[in-house]
Amino acid sequence: MIRSVVKGTGSALPSRVVSNEELARLVDTSDEWIVERTGIRSRHVAGEGETTATLATQAARNALAAAGVDASAVDLIVLATATPDQTFPATATKVQDALGCNGGIAFDVAAVCSGFLYALGVADSLLRTGMARCALVIGAETFSRILDWEDRATCVLFGDGAGAVLLAAEEVAEGGPGVLTTRLHADGAHNELLFTDGGPSTTGTVGKVRMKGREVFRHAVVNLAEVLQEVLEESGFTAADLDWVVPHQANARILDATARKLGLANEKVIVTVDQHANTSAASVPLALDAAVRDGRIKAGDLVMLEAMGGGFTWGASLLRM
């Protein structure tokens, strides 16, 4: 069978690190308040010359280097972002040009925090049907540029960064590596719970992030547990079979609640929210790359990716590394 096999992972973070103490000098908050409610201790914030495209390009280069593959082999780039460099063209085309692999397929996907799962699902479909052979799937964000830095309900939660995965279409045996199952969902009825208050066709601005945190938390725990169970049932595995879960890094309490709901051991959950905060579409590939590079996630491991974001959108994907 043809599967999309992970050949390498990579990530990139802005050089500037912003601590909770620094934020406490801007808004009415404290390190204790942020840590207790979110688990976040610091985040990276893009500076001058750092954009979604530059971070995505560096993450892509790191994934290519990890795989030992030249950029010329890439014929598909799917970039998930809610903070593109421009309204158009797609930021993926800027990454393509920077890598020097022009001529293939390159486009953006907008599904906010679930964006990487959506991008992975699209890329997997294109690889398995022969539309492409080698794909970069990237999640990249500069969320700091759409935050209201006077709104403590949102500005403490988010950070900037990028993560990438290099996939190759390969013929593998049953039980071999690759993307096994992906399930994606959306429910536009909850737009007002997590959104930006602007856009090109409404206000002519990008707007700022607005969120009703308590309601988002409730939906996240239920939706994530359901889609994880859906993927497990579809693939014929149980939660006990999983070696690792790489969740969207939104809030430590959501991670704990979802793990409890599925009966997963906390030791199996990759957590980077304390260092990166919520990096939206970059969150899952950033955490995946961190765990691959420190040796926790190894070849042959069964790994579940999951995320939920504004829209609402949510999804999960099961990989054999």
Protein backbone atom coordinates (compact mmCIF):
# COMPACT_ATOMS: atom_id res chain seq x y z
CA MET A 1 0.00 0.00 0.00
CA ILE A 2 1.06 3.63 -0.53
CA ARG A 3 1.43 5.65 2.65
CA SER A 4 2.68 9.12 3.53
CA VAL A 5 5.79 8.37 5.58
CA VAL A 6 7.42 10.88 7.93
CA LYS A 7 11.01 11.36 6.78
CA GLY A 8 12.00 14.31 8.96
CA THR A 9 10.74 17.00 11.31
CA GLY A 10 11.89 20.55 11.97
CA SER A 11 10.96 23.68 13.85
CA ALA A 12 11.85 27.35 14.26
CA LEU A 13 11.25 29.85 17.03
CA PRO A 14 11.77 33.62 17.20
CA SER A 15 14.84 34.67 19.14
CA ARG A 16 12.95 36.79 21.66
CA VAL A 17 11.55 35.00 24.70
CA VAL A 18 8.88 36.78 26.74
CA SER A 19 8.36 35.62 30.32
CA ASN A 20 5.20 35.85 32.39
CA GLU A 21 6.94 38.44 34.55
CA GLU A 22 7.45 40.68 31.52
CA LEU A 23 3.77 40.40 30.60
CA ALA A 24 2.82 41.27 34.18
CA ARG A 25 4.38 44.67 33.57
CA LEU A 26 2.02 45.24 30.62
CA VAL A 27 -1.32 43.95 31.92
CA ASP A 28 -2.93 43.13 35.27
CA THR A 29 -1.65 39.58 35.69
CA SER A 30 1.09 37.60 37.41
CA ASP A 31 3.31 34.61 36.79
CA GLU A 32 1.35 32.63 39.40
CA TRP A 33 -2.00 33.46 37.79
CA ILE A 34 -0.86 32.45 34.30
CA VAL A 35 0.86 29.23 35.38
CA GLU A 36 -2.05 28.11 37.55
CA ARG A 37 -4.65 28.60 34.80
CA THR A 38 -2.67 27.67 31.69
CA GLY A 39 0.65 26.02 32.55
CA ILE A 40 2.43 28.64 30.40
CA ARG A 41 5.71 30.08 31.69
CA SER A 42 7.11 31.77 28.58
CA ARG A 43 6.56 32.25 24.88
CA HIS A 44 8.56 33.34 21.81
CA VAL A 45 7.56 36.59 20.09
CA ALA A 46 8.58 37.50 16.55
CA GLY A 47 10.77 40.56 16.13
CA GLU A 48 11.82 42.72 13.23
CA GLY A 49 12.46 40.67 10.11
CA GLU A 50 10.76 37.58 11.55
CA THR A 51 7.53 36.66 9.77
CA THR A 52 5.36 33.61 9.28
CA ALA A 53 7.21 32.91 6.03
CA THR A 54 10.72 33.21 7.48
CA LEU A 55 9.86 30.95 10.42
CA ALA A 56 8.15 28.45 8.12
CA THR A 57 11.14 28.42 5.79
CA GLN A 58 13.58 27.72 8.61
CA ALA A 59 11.40 24.94 10.00
CA ALA A 60 11.17 23.43 6.51
CA ARG A 61 14.94 23.58 6.05
CA ASN A 62 15.43 21.85 9.40
CA ALA A 63 12.99 19.09 8.40
CA LEU A 64 14.77 18.61 5.07
CA ALA A 65 18.13 18.44 6.85
CA ALA A 66 16.80 15.88 9.34
CA ALA A 67 15.56 13.74 6.44
CA GLY A 68 18.71 14.20 4.36
CA VAL A 69 16.56 15.31 1.42
CA ASP A 70 17.29 18.17 -0.97
CA ALA A 71 14.59 20.82 -1.40
CA SER A 72 14.48 20.06 -5.13
CA ALA A 73 12.64 16.82 -4.31
CA VAL A 74 9.69 18.69 -2.77
CA ASP A 75 6.70 18.95 -5.12
CA LEU A 76 4.04 19.88 -2.56
CA ILE A 77 3.95 22.45 0.24
CA VAL A 78 0.85 22.80 2.41
CA LEU A 79 1.23 25.57 4.98
CA ALA A 80 -1.28 25.98 7.80
CA THR A 81 -1.54 29.49 9.19
CA ALA A 82 -4.00 32.08 10.45
CA THR A 83 -1.35 34.81 10.19
CA PRO A 84 -0.09 34.82 6.59
CA ASP A 85 2.50 37.35 5.44
CA GLN A 86 -0.02 38.76 2.95
CA THR A 87 -3.72 38.32 2.23
CA PHE A 88 -2.45 36.83 -1.03
CA PRO A 89 -0.47 35.16 -2.47
CA ALA A 90 -0.24 32.14 -0.20
CA THR A 91 2.66 32.21 2.26
CA ALA A 92 3.45 28.68 1.05
CA THR A 93 4.58 30.16 -2.25
CA LYS A 94 7.06 32.40 -0.43
CA VAL A 95 8.46 29.35 1.34
CA GLN A 96 8.61 27.48 -1.97
CA ASP A 97 10.59 30.30 -3.59
CA ALA A 98 12.95 30.61 -0.61
CA LEU A 99 13.67 26.87 -0.79
CA GLY A 100 14.14 26.98 -4.55
CA CYS A 101 11.61 24.27 -5.40
CA ASN A 102 9.29 26.36 -7.56
CA GLY A 103 6.89 24.68 -9.97
CA GLY A 104 5.15 22.21 -7.69
CA ILE A 105 1.98 22.63 -5.66
CA ALA A 106 1.99 25.25 -2.87
CA PHE A 107 -0.95 26.65 -0.93
CA ASP A 108 -2.12 27.71 2.52
CA VAL A 109 -4.75 26.13 4.76
CA ALA A 110 -6.74 28.22 7.26
CA ALA A 111 -8.11 26.19 10.16
CA VAL A 112 -6.41 28.08 13.02
CA CYS A 113 -5.13 25.78 15.77
CA SER A 114 -6.30 22.68 13.88
CA GLY A 115 -4.56 23.90 10.75
CA PHE A 116 -1.65 21.47 10.86
CA LEU A 117 -4.03 18.50 11.14
CA TYR A 118 -6.03 19.81 8.18
CA ALA A 119 -2.83 20.39 6.19
CA LEU A 120 -1.60 16.89 7.05
CA GLY A 121 -4.88 15.36 5.91
CA VAL A 122 -4.80 17.24 2.59
CA ALA A 123 -1.14 16.42 1.93
CA ASP A 124 -1.67 12.75 2.80
CA SER A 125 -4.56 12.55 0.31
CA LEU A 126 -2.51 14.17 -2.47
CA LEU A 127 0.45 11.87 -1.84
CA ARG A 128 -1.61 8.70 -1.75
CA THR A 129 -3.42 9.58 -4.99
CA GLY A 130 -0.18 10.34 -6.83
CA MET A 131 -0.63 14.11 -7.21
CA ALA A 132 2.72 14.54 -5.46
CA ARG A 133 5.58 12.41 -4.16
CA CYS A 134 7.31 14.53 -1.51
CA ALA A 135 5.53 17.06 0.70
CA LEU A 136 6.39 19.65 3.29
CA VAL A 137 3.53 20.08 5.76
CA ILE A 138 4.09 23.21 7.82
CA GLY A 139 2.31 24.99 10.65
CA ALA A 140 3.57 28.55 11.15
CA GLU A 141 2.22 31.54 13.04
CA THR A 142 3.05 35.05 14.20
CA PHE A 143 0.02 35.30 16.47
CA SER A 144 1.64 38.11 18.46
CA ARG A 145 0.73 40.42 15.56
CA ILE A 146 -3.03 39.89 15.98
CA LEU A 147 -3.14 40.09 19.78
CA ASP A 148 -4.63 42.90 21.83
CA TRP A 149 -1.79 43.45 24.27
CA GLU A 150 -4.19 45.13 26.71
CA ASP A 151 -6.47 42.07 26.89
CA ARG A 152 -5.07 39.78 29.56
CA ALA A 153 -7.59 37.07 28.65
CA THR A 154 -5.79 36.48 25.35
CA CYS A 155 -2.37 38.14 25.24
CA VAL A 156 -0.86 35.79 27.84
CA LEU A 157 -1.93 32.66 25.95
CA PHE A 158 -0.22 32.86 22.57
CA GLY A 159 3.25 32.74 21.05
CA ASP A 160 4.96 32.56 17.66
CA GLY A 161 6.80 29.74 15.91
CA ALA A 162 6.78 27.16 13.14
CA GLY A 163 7.01 23.40 12.79
CA ALA A 164 7.35 21.22 9.69
CA VAL A 165 7.14 17.59 8.68
CA LEU A 166 8.57 16.12 5.48
CA LEU A 167 6.38 13.36 4.05
CA ALA A 168 7.18 10.99 1.20
CA ALA A 169 4.81 8.65 -0.64
CA GLU A 170 6.23 5.15 -0.20
CA GLU A 171 4.98 1.62 -0.67
CA VAL A 172 4.94 -0.05 2.73
CA ALA A 173 3.76 -3.34 4.16
CA GLU A 174 0.87 -3.70 6.58
CA GLY A 175 2.09 -2.49 9.97
CA GLY A 176 4.69 -0.26 8.34
CA PRO A 177 5.24 3.46 8.87
CA GLY A 178 3.12 6.36 7.68
CA VAL A 179 -0.10 8.25 8.26
CA LEU A 180 -2.67 5.63 9.25
CA THR A 181 -5.91 7.51 9.87
CA THR A 182 -6.97 11.16 9.97
CA ARG A 183 -10.37 12.54 10.96
CA LEU A 184 -11.32 16.22 10.69
CA HIS A 185 -14.40 18.17 11.81
CA ALA A 186 -15.80 21.71 11.92
CA ASP A 187 -18.80 23.44 13.46
CA GLY A 188 -19.32 27.05 12.40
CA ALA A 189 -22.08 27.61 14.97
CA HIS A 190 -19.46 28.59 17.56
CA ASN A 191 -17.77 31.42 15.65
CA GLU A 192 -18.32 33.93 18.45
CA LEU A 193 -16.38 31.89 21.01
CA LEU A 194 -12.96 32.23 19.34
CA PHE A 195 -12.42 34.65 16.47
CA THR A 196 -10.78 37.82 15.20
CA ASP A 197 -12.86 40.99 15.11
CA GLY A 198 -11.79 41.91 11.60
CA GLY A 199 -11.01 40.70 8.10
CA PRO A 200 -10.36 41.94 4.55
CA SER A 201 -14.00 41.78 3.42
CA THR A 202 -15.59 43.11 6.62
CA THR A 203 -13.39 45.73 8.27
CA GLY A 204 -10.44 45.92 5.89
CA THR A 205 -8.16 45.05 8.83
CA VAL A 206 -6.81 41.79 10.24
CA GLY A 207 -8.55 42.37 13.56
CA LYS A 208 -7.55 41.11 17.00
CA VAL A 209 -8.09 37.76 18.71
CA ARG A 210 -11.18 37.52 20.93
CA MET A 211 -12.05 34.48 23.01
CA LYS A 212 -14.52 33.20 25.61
CA GLY A 213 -12.11 30.89 27.35
CA ARG A 214 -14.46 28.92 29.58
CA GLU A 215 -16.75 27.90 26.73
CA VAL A 216 -13.78 27.01 24.50
CA PHE A 217 -12.34 24.82 27.26
CA ARG A 218 -15.59 22.87 27.59
CA HIS A 219 -15.93 22.23 23.86
CA ALA A 220 -12.24 21.33 23.53
CA VAL A 221 -12.29 18.53 26.09
CA VAL A 222 -15.43 16.93 24.63
CA ASN A 223 -14.50 17.33 20.94
CA LEU A 224 -10.91 16.15 21.32
CA ALA A 225 -11.85 13.07 23.32
CA GLU A 226 -14.47 12.15 20.71
CA VAL A 227 -12.21 12.56 17.67
CA LEU A 228 -9.39 10.65 19.36
CA GLN A 229 -11.77 7.76 20.03
CA GLU A 230 -13.02 8.00 16.45
CA VAL A 231 -9.50 7.63 15.05
CA LEU A 232 -8.70 4.74 17.39
CA GLU A 233 -11.84 2.85 16.39
CA GLU A 234 -11.19 3.48 12.69
CA SER A 235 -7.62 2.21 12.94
CA GLY A 236 -8.34 -0.74 15.21
CA PHE A 237 -6.16 0.44 18.10
CA THR A 238 -6.92 1.38 21.70
CA ALA A 239 -5.56 4.19 23.84
CA ALA A 240 -3.32 1.65 25.56
CA ASP A 241 -1.61 0.93 22.22
CA LEU A 242 -0.40 4.50 21.82
CA ASP A 243 3.24 5.24 22.51
CA TRP A 244 2.75 9.01 22.46
CA VAL A 245 0.08 11.67 22.12
CA VAL A 246 1.13 15.02 20.65
CA PRO A 247 -1.72 17.42 21.41
CA HIS A 248 -2.31 21.03 20.45
CA GLN A 249 -0.57 23.04 23.15
CA ALA A 250 -3.36 25.42 24.17
CA ASN A 251 -3.65 24.96 27.90
CA ALA A 252 -2.18 22.45 30.34
CA ARG A 253 -5.59 21.91 31.93
CA ILE A 254 -7.10 20.90 28.56
CA LEU A 255 -4.24 18.43 28.05
CA ASP A 256 -4.81 16.90 31.49
CA ALA A 257 -8.60 16.73 31.10
CA THR A 258 -8.41 15.11 27.66
CA ALA A 259 -5.87 12.54 28.88
CA ARG A 260 -8.08 11.65 31.85
CA LYS A 261 -11.16 11.30 29.64
CA LEU A 262 -9.34 8.74 27.48
CA GLY A 263 -7.55 7.03 30.34
CA LEU A 264 -4.14 8.05 28.98
CA ALA A 265 -1.09 8.22 31.23
CA ASN A 266 0.30 11.76 31.49
CA GLU A 267 3.75 10.29 30.78
CA LYS A 268 2.60 9.56 27.22
CA VAL A 269 1.57 13.16 26.49
CA ILE A 270 4.10 15.52 24.93
CA VAL A 271 3.90 18.93 26.62
CA THR A 272 5.63 22.10 25.41
CA VAL A 273 2.95 24.65 26.31
CA ASP A 274 5.05 25.82 29.24
CA GLN A 275 7.83 26.99 26.90
CA HIS A 276 5.95 27.95 23.72
CA ALA A 277 2.41 28.90 24.87
CA ASN A 278 -0.28 28.43 22.21
CA THR A 279 1.32 28.77 18.78
CA SER A 280 -1.90 27.87 16.94
CA ALA A 281 -1.17 25.86 13.76
CA ALA A 282 2.52 25.61 14.71
CA SER A 283 1.76 23.97 18.04
CA VAL A 284 1.51 20.29 17.07
CA PRO A 285 4.54 20.15 14.71
CA LEU A 286 6.64 22.15 17.19
CA ALA A 287 5.86 19.64 19.95
CA LEU A 288 6.39 16.70 17.59
CA ASP A 289 9.80 17.96 16.52
CA ALA A 290 10.85 18.59 20.13
CA ALA A 291 10.01 15.00 21.09
CA VAL A 292 11.68 13.52 18.01
CA ARG A 293 14.88 15.49 18.59
CA ASP A 294 15.18 14.66 22.28
CA GLY A 295 14.75 10.96 21.51
CA ARG A 296 11.38 10.31 23.08
CA ILE A 297 9.59 9.62 19.80
CA LYS A 298 11.43 6.97 17.79
CA ALA A 299 10.98 4.99 14.58
CA GLY A 300 8.15 2.49 14.94
CA ASP A 301 6.29 4.43 17.63
CA LEU A 302 2.52 4.82 17.35
CA VAL A 303 1.81 8.54 17.70
CA MET A 304 -1.51 10.37 17.92
CA LEU A 305 -1.71 14.04 16.90
CA GLU A 306 -4.75 16.11 17.88
CA ALA A 307 -5.91 19.73 17.89
CA MET A 308 -8.91 22.03 18.16
CA GLY A 309 -9.18 25.66 17.13
CA GLY A 310 -11.43 28.55 16.18
CA GLY A 311 -14.24 27.80 13.80
CA PHE A 312 -14.62 25.47 15.66
CA THR A 313 -12.34 23.07 13.84
CA TRP A 314 -10.85 19.93 15.31
CA GLY A 315 -9.16 16.72 14.25
CA ALA A 316 -6.74 13.92 14.99
CA SER A 317 -4.26 11.83 13.03
CA LEU A 318 -2.58 8.54 13.89
CA LEU A 319 0.97 7.99 12.64
CA ARG A 320 3.39 5.10 12.70
CA MET A 321 6.78 6.78 12.82
